[in-house]
Amino acid sequence: MPIFSRRRIQQMLDDLSGTASPSHFIGRLNDKRFENALSAEAELTLVWAANRLGGFESEPN
């Protein structure tokens, strides 16, 4: 059972298009096992919120 509507998820993915790779989330969001889909929604939400608060910068390895 999804937390967000597909339209809201798509809007979050569109907002992150310049920052994070949407393909990282799409496969997990479409997973039939709800455990994987819910964790992907939660991760997407946290990344989207951090980006909206001022962004983040990935440190090199």
PDB file of N, CA and C in Angstrom:
ATOM      1  N   MET A   1       0.839  -1.170   0.000  1.00  0.00           N
ATOM      2  CA  MET A   1       0.000   0.000   0.000  1.00  0.00           C
ATOM      3  C   MET A   1       0.892   1.244   0.000  1.00  0.00           C
ATOM      4  N   PRO A   2       0.813   2.026  -1.044  1.00  0.00           N
ATOM      5  CA  PRO A   2       1.677   3.204  -1.145  1.00  0.00           C
ATOM      6  C   PRO A   2       1.275   4.315  -0.174  1.00  0.00           C
ATOM      7  N   ILE A   3       2.246   5.107   0.194  1.00  0.00           N
ATOM      8  CA  ILE A   3       2.008   6.246   1.075  1.00  0.00           C
ATOM      9  C   ILE A   3       1.561   7.442   0.247  1.00  0.00           C
ATOM     10  N   PHE A   4       2.218   7.673  -0.868  1.00  0.00           N
ATOM     11  CA  PHE A   4       1.944   8.819  -1.727  1.00  0.00           C
ATOM     12  C   PHE A   4       1.270   8.368  -3.019  1.00  0.00           C
ATOM     13  N   SER A   5       0.551   9.285  -3.638  1.00  0.00           N
ATOM     14  CA  SER A   5      -0.051   8.991  -4.935  1.00  0.00           C
ATOM     15  C   SER A   5       1.046   8.951  -6.002  1.00  0.00           C
ATOM     16  N   ARG A   6       0.747   8.325  -7.126  1.00  0.00           N
ATOM     17  CA  ARG A   6       1.720   8.246  -8.212  1.00  0.00           C
ATOM     18  C   ARG A   6       2.062   9.638  -8.733  1.00  0.00           C
ATOM     19  N   ARG A   7       1.094  10.526  -8.732  1.00  0.00           N
ATOM     20  CA  ARG A   7       1.330  11.894  -9.200  1.00  0.00           C
ATOM     21  C   ARG A   7       2.329  12.609  -8.286  1.00  0.00           C
ATOM     22  N   ARG A   8       2.209  12.425  -6.973  1.00  0.00           N
ATOM     23  CA  ARG A   8       3.126  13.063  -6.025  1.00  0.00           C
ATOM     24  C   ARG A   8       4.528  12.474  -6.148  1.00  0.00           C
ATOM     25  N   ILE A   9       4.611  11.165  -6.310  1.00  0.00           N
ATOM     26  CA  ILE A   9       5.911  10.515  -6.485  1.00  0.00           C
ATOM     27  C   ILE A   9       6.590  11.032  -7.745  1.00  0.00           C
ATOM     28  N   GLN A  10       5.819  11.157  -8.819  1.00  0.00           N
ATOM     29  CA  GLN A  10       6.383  11.666 -10.067  1.00  0.00           C
ATOM     30  C   GLN A  10       6.871  13.094  -9.896  1.00  0.00           C
ATOM     31  N   GLN A  11       6.137  13.908  -9.145  1.00  0.00           N
ATOM     32  CA  GLN A  11       6.555  15.286  -8.905  1.00  0.00           C
ATOM     33  C   GLN A  11       7.856  15.333  -8.104  1.00  0.00           C
ATOM     34  N   MET A  12       7.994  14.459  -7.113  1.00  0.00           N
ATOM     35  CA  MET A  12       9.237  14.407  -6.340  1.00  0.00           C
ATOM     36  C   MET A  12      10.396  13.965  -7.227  1.00  0.00           C
ATOM     37  N   LEU A  13      10.172  12.971  -8.090  1.00  0.00           N
ATOM     38  CA  LEU A  13      11.222  12.518  -9.001  1.00  0.00           C
ATOM     39  C   LEU A  13      11.620  13.623  -9.971  1.00  0.00           C
ATOM     40  N   ASP A  14      10.643  14.375 -10.458  1.00  0.00           N
ATOM     41  CA  ASP A  14      10.936  15.487 -11.365  1.00  0.00           C
ATOM     42  C   ASP A  14      11.750  16.569 -10.669  1.00  0.00           C
ATOM     43  N   ASP A  15      11.421  16.854  -9.403  1.00  0.00           N
ATOM     44  CA  ASP A  15      12.168  17.854  -8.641  1.00  0.00           C
ATOM     45  C   ASP A  15      13.620  17.434  -8.424  1.00  0.00           C
ATOM     46  N   LEU A  16      13.855  16.131  -8.335  1.00  0.00           N
ATOM     47  CA  LEU A  16      15.201  15.617  -8.073  1.00  0.00           C
ATOM     48  C   LEU A  16      15.980  15.292  -9.345  1.00  0.00           C
ATOM     49  N   SER A  17      15.405  15.560 -10.493  1.00  0.00           N
ATOM     50  CA  SER A  17      16.040  15.130 -11.743  1.00  0.00           C
ATOM     51  C   SER A  17      17.446  15.685 -11.927  1.00  0.00           C
ATOM     52  N   GLY A  18      17.745  16.857 -11.426  1.00  0.00           N
ATOM     53  CA  GLY A  18      19.085  17.416 -11.559  1.00  0.00           C
ATOM     54  C   GLY A  18      20.032  16.977 -10.470  1.00  0.00           C
ATOM     55  N   THR A  19      19.488  16.427  -9.380  1.00  0.00           N
ATOM     56  CA  THR A  19      20.293  16.084  -8.213  1.00  0.00           C
ATOM     57  C   THR A  19      20.572  14.590  -8.101  1.00  0.00           C
ATOM     58  N   ALA A  20      19.516  13.803  -8.150  1.00  0.00           N
ATOM     59  CA  ALA A  20      19.639  12.355  -7.973  1.00  0.00           C
ATOM     60  C   ALA A  20      19.094  11.649  -9.209  1.00  0.00           C
ATOM     61  N   SER A  21      19.539  10.444  -9.414  1.00  0.00           N
ATOM     62  CA  SER A  21      19.095   9.660 -10.566  1.00  0.00           C
ATOM     63  C   SER A  21      17.731   9.021 -10.272  1.00  0.00           C
ATOM     64  N   PRO A  22      16.709   9.373 -11.034  1.00  0.00           N
ATOM     65  CA  PRO A  22      15.393   8.769 -10.805  1.00  0.00           C
ATOM     66  C   PRO A  22      15.389   7.257 -10.999  1.00  0.00           C
ATOM     67  N   SER A  23      16.277   6.750 -11.842  1.00  0.00           N
ATOM     68  CA  SER A  23      16.306   5.312 -12.083  1.00  0.00           C
ATOM     69  C   SER A  23      16.684   4.541 -10.819  1.00  0.00           C
ATOM     70  N   HIS A  24      17.351   5.206  -9.890  1.00  0.00           N
ATOM     71  CA  HIS A  24      17.692   4.572  -8.616  1.00  0.00           C
ATOM     72  C   HIS A  24      16.429   4.201  -7.842  1.00  0.00           C
ATOM     73  N   PHE A  25      15.380   4.983  -7.970  1.00  0.00           N
ATOM     74  CA  PHE A  25      14.156   4.772  -7.219  1.00  0.00           C
ATOM     75  C   PHE A  25      13.083   4.003  -7.994  1.00  0.00           C
ATOM     76  N   ILE A  26      13.040   4.172  -9.303  1.00  0.00           N
ATOM     77  CA  ILE A  26      11.918   3.668 -10.087  1.00  0.00           C
ATOM     78  C   ILE A  26      11.767   2.153  -9.994  1.00  0.00           C
ATOM     79  N   GLY A  27      12.846   1.439 -10.099  1.00  0.00           N
ATOM     80  CA  GLY A  27      12.763  -0.019 -10.021  1.00  0.00           C
ATOM     81  C   GLY A  27      12.220  -0.492  -8.695  1.00  0.00           C
ATOM     82  N   ARG A  28      12.662   0.134  -7.619  1.00  0.00           N
ATOM     83  CA  ARG A  28      12.194  -0.258  -6.284  1.00  0.00           C
ATOM     84  C   ARG A  28      10.767   0.218  -6.030  1.00  0.00           C
ATOM     85  N   LEU A  29      10.379   1.357  -6.591  1.00  0.00           N
ATOM     86  CA  LEU A  29       9.013   1.845  -6.409  1.00  0.00           C
ATOM     87  C   LEU A  29       8.000   0.946  -7.106  1.00  0.00           C
ATOM     88  N   ASN A  30       8.402   0.315  -8.191  1.00  0.00           N
ATOM     89  CA  ASN A  30       7.505  -0.560  -8.943  1.00  0.00           C
ATOM     90  C   ASN A  30       7.546  -2.004  -8.481  1.00  0.00           C
ATOM     91  N   ASP A  31       8.296  -2.292  -7.435  1.00  0.00           N
ATOM     92  CA  ASP A  31       8.408  -3.656  -6.925  1.00  0.00           C
ATOM     93  C   ASP A  31       7.066  -4.108  -6.335  1.00  0.00           C
ATOM     94  N   LYS A  32       6.698  -5.351  -6.600  1.00  0.00           N
ATOM     95  CA  LYS A  32       5.415  -5.866  -6.096  1.00  0.00           C
ATOM     96  C   LYS A  32       5.460  -6.149  -4.607  1.00  0.00           C
ATOM     97  N   ARG A  33       6.649  -6.360  -4.067  1.00  0.00           N
ATOM     98  CA  ARG A  33       6.757  -6.587  -2.620  1.00  0.00           C
ATOM     99  C   ARG A  33       6.680  -5.231  -1.924  1.00  0.00           C
ATOM    100  N   PHE A  34       5.661  -5.053  -1.107  1.00  0.00           N
ATOM    101  CA  PHE A  34       5.416  -3.741  -0.521  1.00  0.00           C
ATOM    102  C   PHE A  34       6.544  -3.284   0.397  1.00  0.00           C
ATOM    103  N   GLU A  35       7.309  -4.207   0.968  1.00  0.00           N
ATOM    104  CA  GLU A  35       8.424  -3.805   1.839  1.00  0.00           C
ATOM    105  C   GLU A  35       9.447  -2.992   1.053  1.00  0.00           C
ATOM    106  N   ASN A  36       9.735  -3.422  -0.171  1.00  0.00           N
ATOM    107  CA  ASN A  36      10.697  -2.707  -1.004  1.00  0.00           C
ATOM    108  C   ASN A  36      10.131  -1.388  -1.499  1.00  0.00           C
ATOM    109  N   ALA A  37       8.866  -1.380  -1.881  1.00  0.00           N
ATOM    110  CA  ALA A  37       8.245  -0.160  -2.387  1.00  0.00           C
ATOM    111  C   ALA A  37       8.118   0.892  -1.287  1.00  0.00           C
ATOM    112  N   LEU A  38       7.744   0.480  -0.086  1.00  0.00           N
ATOM    113  CA  LEU A  38       7.608   1.438   1.015  1.00  0.00           C
ATOM    114  C   LEU A  38       8.949   2.024   1.424  1.00  0.00           C
ATOM    115  N   SER A  39       9.979   1.189   1.451  1.00  0.00           N
ATOM    116  CA  SER A  39      11.295   1.723   1.809  1.00  0.00           C
ATOM    117  C   SER A  39      11.818   2.664   0.727  1.00  0.00           C
ATOM    118  N   ALA A  40      11.503   2.392  -0.533  1.00  0.00           N
ATOM    119  CA  ALA A  40      11.905   3.295  -1.619  1.00  0.00           C
ATOM    120  C   ALA A  40      11.166   4.618  -1.521  1.00  0.00           C
ATOM    121  N   GLU A  41       9.882   4.584  -1.151  1.00  0.00           N
ATOM    122  CA  GLU A  41       9.127   5.828  -0.967  1.00  0.00           C
ATOM    123  C   GLU A  41       9.697   6.640   0.189  1.00  0.00           C
ATOM    124  N   ALA A  42      10.051   5.967   1.271  1.00  0.00           N
ATOM    125  CA  ALA A  42      10.621   6.666   2.419  1.00  0.00           C
ATOM    126  C   ALA A  42      11.959   7.303   2.057  1.00  0.00           C
ATOM    127  N   GLU A  43      12.798   6.569   1.338  1.00  0.00           N
ATOM    128  CA  GLU A  43      14.092   7.106   0.917  1.00  0.00           C
ATOM    129  C   GLU A  43      13.912   8.281  -0.036  1.00  0.00           C
ATOM    130  N   LEU A  44      12.999   8.147  -0.989  1.00  0.00           N
ATOM    131  CA  LEU A  44      12.717   9.231  -1.916  1.00  0.00           C
ATOM    132  C   LEU A  44      12.240  10.470  -1.173  1.00  0.00           C
ATOM    133  N   THR A  45      11.383  10.284  -0.190  1.00  0.00           N
ATOM    134  CA  THR A  45      10.868  11.404   0.596  1.00  0.00           C
ATOM    135  C   THR A  45      11.978  12.115   1.348  1.00  0.00           C
ATOM    136  N   LEU A  46      12.882  11.366   1.961  1.00  0.00           N
ATOM    137  CA  LEU A  46      13.984  11.978   2.717  1.00  0.00           C
ATOM    138  C   LEU A  46      14.942  12.730   1.800  1.00  0.00           C
ATOM    139  N   VAL A  47      15.266  12.147   0.660  1.00  0.00           N
ATOM    140  CA  VAL A  47      16.165  12.812  -0.289  1.00  0.00           C
ATOM    141  C   VAL A  47      15.503  14.065  -0.847  1.00  0.00           C
ATOM    142  N   TRP A  48      14.216  13.970  -1.175  1.00  0.00           N
ATOM    143  CA  TRP A  48      13.481  15.116  -1.702  1.00  0.00           C
ATOM    144  C   TRP A  48      13.414  16.230  -0.657  1.00  0.00           C
ATOM    145  N   ALA A  49      13.122  15.884   0.605  1.00  0.00           N
ATOM    146  CA  ALA A  49      13.030  16.886   1.672  1.00  0.00           C
ATOM    147  C   ALA A  49      14.375  17.557   1.911  1.00  0.00           C
ATOM    148  N   ALA A  50      15.454  16.775   1.927  1.00  0.00           N
ATOM    149  CA  ALA A  50      16.785  17.357   2.114  1.00  0.00           C
ATOM    150  C   ALA A  50      17.120  18.306   0.973  1.00  0.00           C
ATOM    151  N   ASN A  51      16.729  17.935  -0.225  1.00  0.00           N
ATOM    152  CA  ASN A  51      16.974  18.790  -1.382  1.00  0.00           C
ATOM    153  C   ASN A  51      16.176  20.085  -1.278  1.00  0.00           C
ATOM    154  N   ARG A  52      14.944  20.015  -0.826  1.00  0.00           N
ATOM    155  CA  ARG A  52      14.104  21.205  -0.691  1.00  0.00           C
ATOM    156  C   ARG A  52      14.586  22.126   0.425  1.00  0.00           C
ATOM    157  N   LEU A  53      15.239  21.575   1.437  1.00  0.00           N
ATOM    158  CA  LEU A  53      15.722  22.378   2.562  1.00  0.00           C
ATOM    159  C   LEU A  53      17.001  23.137   2.237  1.00  0.00           C
ATOM    160  N   GLY A  54      17.585  22.890   1.130  1.00  0.00           N
ATOM    161  CA  GLY A  54      18.802  23.604   0.790  1.00  0.00           C
ATOM    162  C   GLY A  54      19.810  22.772   0.051  1.00  0.00           C
ATOM    163  N   GLY A  55      19.428  21.570  -0.213  1.00  0.00           N
ATOM    164  CA  GLY A  55      20.298  20.717  -0.995  1.00  0.00           C
ATOM    165  C   GLY A  55      21.327  19.996  -0.150  1.00  0.00           C
ATOM    166  N   PHE A  56      22.077  19.187  -0.814  1.00  0.00           N
ATOM    167  CA  PHE A  56      23.135  18.423  -0.182  1.00  0.00           C
ATOM    168  C   PHE A  56      24.216  18.192  -1.215  1.00  0.00           C
ATOM    169  N   GLU A  57      25.367  17.870  -0.720  1.00  0.00           N
ATOM    170  CA  GLU A  57      26.493  17.637  -1.608  1.00  0.00           C
ATOM    171  C   GLU A  57      27.110  16.284  -1.264  1.00  0.00           C
ATOM    172  N   SER A  58      27.306  15.465  -2.257  1.00  0.00           N
ATOM    173  CA  SER A  58      27.882  14.152  -2.044  1.00  0.00           C
ATOM    174  C   SER A  58      29.389  14.283  -1.911  1.00  0.00           C
ATOM    175  N   GLU A  59      29.949  13.670  -0.897  1.00  0.00           N
ATOM    176  CA  GLU A  59      31.388  13.680  -0.675  1.00  0.00           C
ATOM    177  C   GLU A  59      32.041  12.625  -1.558  1.00  0.00           C
ATOM    178  N   PRO A  60      33.191  12.937  -2.141  1.00  0.00           N
ATOM    179  CA  PRO A  60      33.888  11.914  -2.936  1.00  0.00           C
ATOM    180  C   PRO A  60      34.396  10.784  -2.055  1.00  0.00           C
ATOM    181  N   ASN A  61      34.484   9.609  -2.640  1.00  0.00           N
ATOM    182  CA  ASN A  61      34.950   8.432  -1.875  1.00  0.00           C
ATOM    183  C   ASN A  61      36.415   8.489  -1.620  1.00  0.00           C
TER     184      ASN A  61
END
